[in-house]
Amino acid sequence: MALVEFKNVEKYYGDYHALRNINLRFEKGQVVVLLGPSGSGKSTLIRTINGLEAVDKGSLLVNGHQVAGASQKDLVPLRKEVG
């Protein structure tokens, strides 16, 4: 099981498509670097992992648990697992 898994994730800010059809898997212990120009969605991607931004489409799993719709209380242990 992946530590973090994005499945067809999309995020919009009004008409702006910040994340489009993102499919990624991060395994436990894997080091990941996000590179890209300003406005390419790096911060949005990270904010969806820790539950600060909700995804508009698709699913995001952290250690097998769905982030979308999770309460702040439920997000605390998930945030600790990601680091």
N, C-alpha and C. Protein backbone atom coordinates (compact mmCIF):
# COMPACT_ATOMS: atom_id res chain seq x y z
N MET A 1 0.85 -1.18 0.00
CA MET A 1 0.00 0.00 0.00
C MET A 1 0.90 1.25 0.00
N ALA A 2 0.55 2.19 -0.84
CA ALA A 2 1.30 3.45 -0.92
C ALA A 2 1.00 4.31 0.30
N LEU A 3 1.99 5.11 0.71
CA LEU A 3 1.77 6.06 1.80
C LEU A 3 0.81 7.15 1.34
N VAL A 4 1.03 7.67 0.13
CA VAL A 4 0.15 8.68 -0.47
C VAL A 4 -0.18 8.24 -1.88
N GLU A 5 -1.45 8.28 -2.23
CA GLU A 5 -1.85 7.91 -3.59
C GLU A 5 -2.91 8.87 -4.12
N PHE A 6 -2.61 9.47 -5.26
CA PHE A 6 -3.54 10.32 -5.99
C PHE A 6 -4.12 9.51 -7.13
N LYS A 7 -5.45 9.51 -7.27
CA LYS A 7 -6.11 8.81 -8.37
C LYS A 7 -7.01 9.79 -9.11
N ASN A 8 -6.58 10.20 -10.28
CA ASN A 8 -7.36 11.11 -11.14
C ASN A 8 -7.80 12.37 -10.40
N VAL A 9 -6.90 12.96 -9.63
CA VAL A 9 -7.23 14.12 -8.81
C VAL A 9 -7.25 15.40 -9.65
N GLU A 10 -8.27 16.21 -9.40
CA GLU A 10 -8.39 17.52 -10.03
C GLU A 10 -8.76 18.54 -8.97
N LYS A 11 -8.26 19.75 -9.15
CA LYS A 11 -8.54 20.86 -8.24
C LYS A 11 -8.72 22.13 -9.05
N TYR A 12 -9.79 22.85 -8.77
CA TYR A 12 -10.11 24.10 -9.46
C TYR A 12 -10.15 25.25 -8.47
N TYR A 13 -9.75 26.40 -8.94
CA TYR A 13 -9.98 27.67 -8.23
C TYR A 13 -10.79 28.51 -9.20
N GLY A 14 -12.10 28.47 -9.07
CA GLY A 14 -12.95 29.14 -10.05
C GLY A 14 -12.78 28.47 -11.40
N ASP A 15 -12.39 29.23 -12.41
CA ASP A 15 -12.16 28.69 -13.75
C ASP A 15 -10.75 28.14 -13.93
N TYR A 16 -9.86 28.41 -12.96
CA TYR A 16 -8.46 27.98 -13.08
C TYR A 16 -8.31 26.51 -12.67
N HIS A 17 -7.74 25.72 -13.54
CA HIS A 17 -7.53 24.29 -13.31
C HIS A 17 -6.15 24.11 -12.69
N ALA A 18 -6.06 24.06 -11.37
CA ALA A 18 -4.76 24.00 -10.67
C ALA A 18 -4.12 22.61 -10.76
N LEU A 19 -4.91 21.56 -10.63
CA LEU A 19 -4.43 20.18 -10.77
C LEU A 19 -5.33 19.47 -11.76
N ARG A 20 -4.71 18.77 -12.71
CA ARG A 20 -5.49 18.11 -13.77
C ARG A 20 -5.08 16.65 -13.89
N ASN A 21 -6.00 15.76 -13.56
CA ASN A 21 -5.82 14.32 -13.74
C ASN A 21 -4.49 13.82 -13.15
N ILE A 22 -4.26 14.10 -11.88
CA ILE A 22 -3.03 13.70 -11.20
C ILE A 22 -3.14 12.25 -10.73
N ASN A 23 -2.18 11.45 -11.13
CA ASN A 23 -2.06 10.05 -10.71
C ASN A 23 -0.64 9.84 -10.22
N LEU A 24 -0.47 9.71 -8.91
CA LEU A 24 0.85 9.56 -8.30
C LEU A 24 0.77 8.59 -7.13
N ARG A 25 1.89 7.93 -6.86
CA ARG A 25 2.03 7.07 -5.67
C ARG A 25 3.34 7.41 -5.01
N PHE A 26 3.31 7.66 -3.71
CA PHE A 26 4.51 7.87 -2.92
C PHE A 26 4.58 6.74 -1.90
N GLU A 27 5.66 6.00 -1.92
CA GLU A 27 5.83 4.88 -0.99
C GLU A 27 6.51 5.37 0.29
N LYS A 28 6.28 4.66 1.38
CA LYS A 28 6.92 5.00 2.65
C LYS A 28 8.43 4.93 2.47
N GLY A 29 9.14 5.95 2.95
CA GLY A 29 10.59 6.01 2.86
C GLY A 29 11.10 6.63 1.57
N GLN A 30 10.22 6.83 0.61
CA GLN A 30 10.61 7.42 -0.67
C GLN A 30 10.80 8.93 -0.49
N VAL A 31 11.84 9.46 -1.11
CA VAL A 31 12.08 10.91 -1.10
C VAL A 31 11.52 11.46 -2.41
N VAL A 32 10.68 12.50 -2.29
CA VAL A 32 10.03 13.09 -3.46
C VAL A 32 10.37 14.56 -3.53
N VAL A 33 10.70 15.02 -4.72
CA VAL A 33 10.99 16.43 -4.96
C VAL A 33 10.00 16.94 -5.99
N LEU A 34 9.35 18.05 -5.70
CA LEU A 34 8.42 18.68 -6.65
C LEU A 34 9.09 19.91 -7.23
N LEU A 35 9.26 19.91 -8.53
CA LEU A 35 9.86 21.05 -9.23
C LEU A 35 8.89 21.57 -10.27
N GLY A 36 8.87 22.87 -10.45
CA GLY A 36 8.03 23.47 -11.47
C GLY A 36 7.98 24.96 -11.30
N PRO A 37 7.52 25.64 -12.33
CA PRO A 37 7.44 27.10 -12.25
C PRO A 37 6.32 27.55 -11.31
N SER A 38 6.35 28.82 -11.00
CA SER A 38 5.30 29.42 -10.17
C SER A 38 3.94 29.17 -10.81
N GLY A 39 2.99 28.74 -9.99
CA GLY A 39 1.64 28.51 -10.48
C GLY A 39 1.41 27.15 -11.10
N SER A 40 2.38 26.24 -10.98
CA SER A 40 2.23 24.93 -11.62
C SER A 40 1.50 23.91 -10.75
N GLY A 41 1.19 24.25 -9.49
CA GLY A 41 0.40 23.37 -8.64
C GLY A 41 1.16 22.65 -7.54
N LYS A 42 2.43 22.98 -7.34
CA LYS A 42 3.23 22.30 -6.31
C LYS A 42 2.64 22.48 -4.92
N SER A 43 2.37 23.70 -4.54
CA SER A 43 1.82 23.97 -3.20
C SER A 43 0.42 23.40 -3.05
N THR A 44 -0.37 23.48 -4.10
CA THR A 44 -1.72 22.92 -4.06
C THR A 44 -1.65 21.42 -3.84
N LEU A 45 -0.73 20.75 -4.51
CA LEU A 45 -0.57 19.31 -4.34
C LEU A 45 -0.26 18.96 -2.89
N ILE A 46 0.67 19.68 -2.28
CA ILE A 46 1.03 19.43 -0.88
C ILE A 46 -0.13 19.75 0.05
N ARG A 47 -0.84 20.82 -0.22
CA ARG A 47 -1.97 21.21 0.63
C ARG A 47 -3.11 20.19 0.57
N THR A 48 -3.26 19.48 -0.55
CA THR A 48 -4.28 18.43 -0.62
C THR A 48 -3.87 17.23 0.22
N ILE A 49 -2.58 16.92 0.25
CA ILE A 49 -2.11 15.77 1.04
C ILE A 49 -2.41 15.97 2.52
N ASN A 50 -2.16 17.17 3.03
CA ASN A 50 -2.38 17.37 4.47
C ASN A 50 -3.80 17.85 4.80
N GLY A 51 -4.68 17.87 3.81
CA GLY A 51 -6.08 18.18 4.05
C GLY A 51 -6.42 19.65 4.16
N LEU A 52 -5.47 20.53 3.83
CA LEU A 52 -5.76 21.97 3.87
C LEU A 52 -6.55 22.43 2.65
N GLU A 53 -6.50 21.65 1.58
CA GLU A 53 -7.29 21.91 0.37
C GLU A 53 -8.03 20.62 0.03
N ALA A 54 -9.28 20.73 -0.35
CA ALA A 54 -10.05 19.57 -0.78
C ALA A 54 -9.87 19.37 -2.28
N VAL A 55 -9.86 18.12 -2.72
CA VAL A 55 -9.82 17.85 -4.16
C VAL A 55 -11.25 17.98 -4.70
N ASP A 56 -11.36 18.41 -5.95
CA ASP A 56 -12.68 18.55 -6.56
C ASP A 56 -13.13 17.28 -7.28
N LYS A 57 -12.17 16.50 -7.76
CA LYS A 57 -12.47 15.23 -8.44
C LYS A 57 -11.38 14.23 -8.09
N GLY A 58 -11.72 12.96 -8.20
CA GLY A 58 -10.76 11.91 -7.94
C GLY A 58 -10.67 11.57 -6.47
N SER A 59 -9.66 10.76 -6.13
CA SER A 59 -9.49 10.38 -4.73
C SER A 59 -8.04 10.53 -4.32
N LEU A 60 -7.87 10.82 -3.05
CA LEU A 60 -6.56 10.98 -2.44
C LEU A 60 -6.53 10.14 -1.18
N LEU A 61 -5.63 9.16 -1.15
CA LEU A 61 -5.51 8.27 0.00
C LEU A 61 -4.18 8.51 0.70
N VAL A 62 -4.21 8.59 2.01
CA VAL A 62 -3.00 8.66 2.82
C VAL A 62 -3.02 7.44 3.72
N ASN A 63 -2.05 6.57 3.50
CA ASN A 63 -1.96 5.31 4.24
C ASN A 63 -3.26 4.52 4.18
N GLY A 64 -3.89 4.55 3.00
CA GLY A 64 -5.12 3.81 2.77
C GLY A 64 -6.39 4.50 3.22
N HIS A 65 -6.29 5.69 3.80
CA HIS A 65 -7.46 6.42 4.29
C HIS A 65 -7.78 7.59 3.36
N GLN A 66 -9.04 7.72 3.02
CA GLN A 66 -9.50 8.81 2.17
C GLN A 66 -9.36 10.15 2.90
N VAL A 67 -8.70 11.11 2.27
CA VAL A 67 -8.52 12.43 2.88
C VAL A 67 -9.78 13.27 2.70
N ALA A 68 -10.42 13.18 1.55
CA ALA A 68 -11.62 13.98 1.27
C ALA A 68 -12.71 13.64 2.28
N GLY A 69 -13.25 14.66 2.88
CA GLY A 69 -14.34 14.48 3.83
C GLY A 69 -13.90 14.11 5.24
N ALA A 70 -12.61 13.93 5.45
CA ALA A 70 -12.13 13.59 6.79
C ALA A 70 -12.22 14.81 7.71
N SER A 71 -12.56 14.57 8.96
CA SER A 71 -12.64 15.66 9.93
C SER A 71 -11.23 16.11 10.30
N GLN A 72 -11.12 17.30 10.88
CA GLN A 72 -9.82 17.78 11.33
C GLN A 72 -9.22 16.82 12.35
N LYS A 73 -10.06 16.25 13.20
CA LYS A 73 -9.59 15.28 14.20
C LYS A 73 -8.99 14.04 13.52
N ASP A 74 -9.64 13.57 12.45
CA ASP A 74 -9.15 12.40 11.73
C ASP A 74 -7.90 12.69 10.92
N LEU A 75 -7.71 13.96 10.53
CA LEU A 75 -6.54 14.32 9.73
C LEU A 75 -5.26 14.38 10.54
N VAL A 76 -5.35 14.62 11.85
CA VAL A 76 -4.15 14.76 12.69
C VAL A 76 -3.23 13.54 12.58
N PRO A 77 -3.73 12.31 12.79
CA PRO A 77 -2.80 11.17 12.69
C PRO A 77 -2.28 10.95 11.27
N LEU A 78 -3.08 11.28 10.26
CA LEU A 78 -2.62 11.15 8.88
C LEU A 78 -1.49 12.11 8.59
N ARG A 79 -1.59 13.32 9.09
CA ARG A 79 -0.53 14.32 8.90
C ARG A 79 0.77 13.87 9.55
N LYS A 80 0.67 13.22 10.69
CA LYS A 80 1.86 12.74 11.39
C LYS A 80 2.55 11.62 10.61
N GLU A 81 1.78 10.83 9.87
CA GLU A 81 2.35 9.73 9.10
C GLU A 81 3.12 10.23 7.88
N VAL A 82 2.69 11.34 7.30
CA VAL A 82 3.31 11.84 6.08
C VAL A 82 4.61 12.57 6.39
N GLY A 83 4.62 13.37 7.44
CA GLY A 83 5.85 14.06 7.84
C GLY A 83 6.11 15.36 7.18
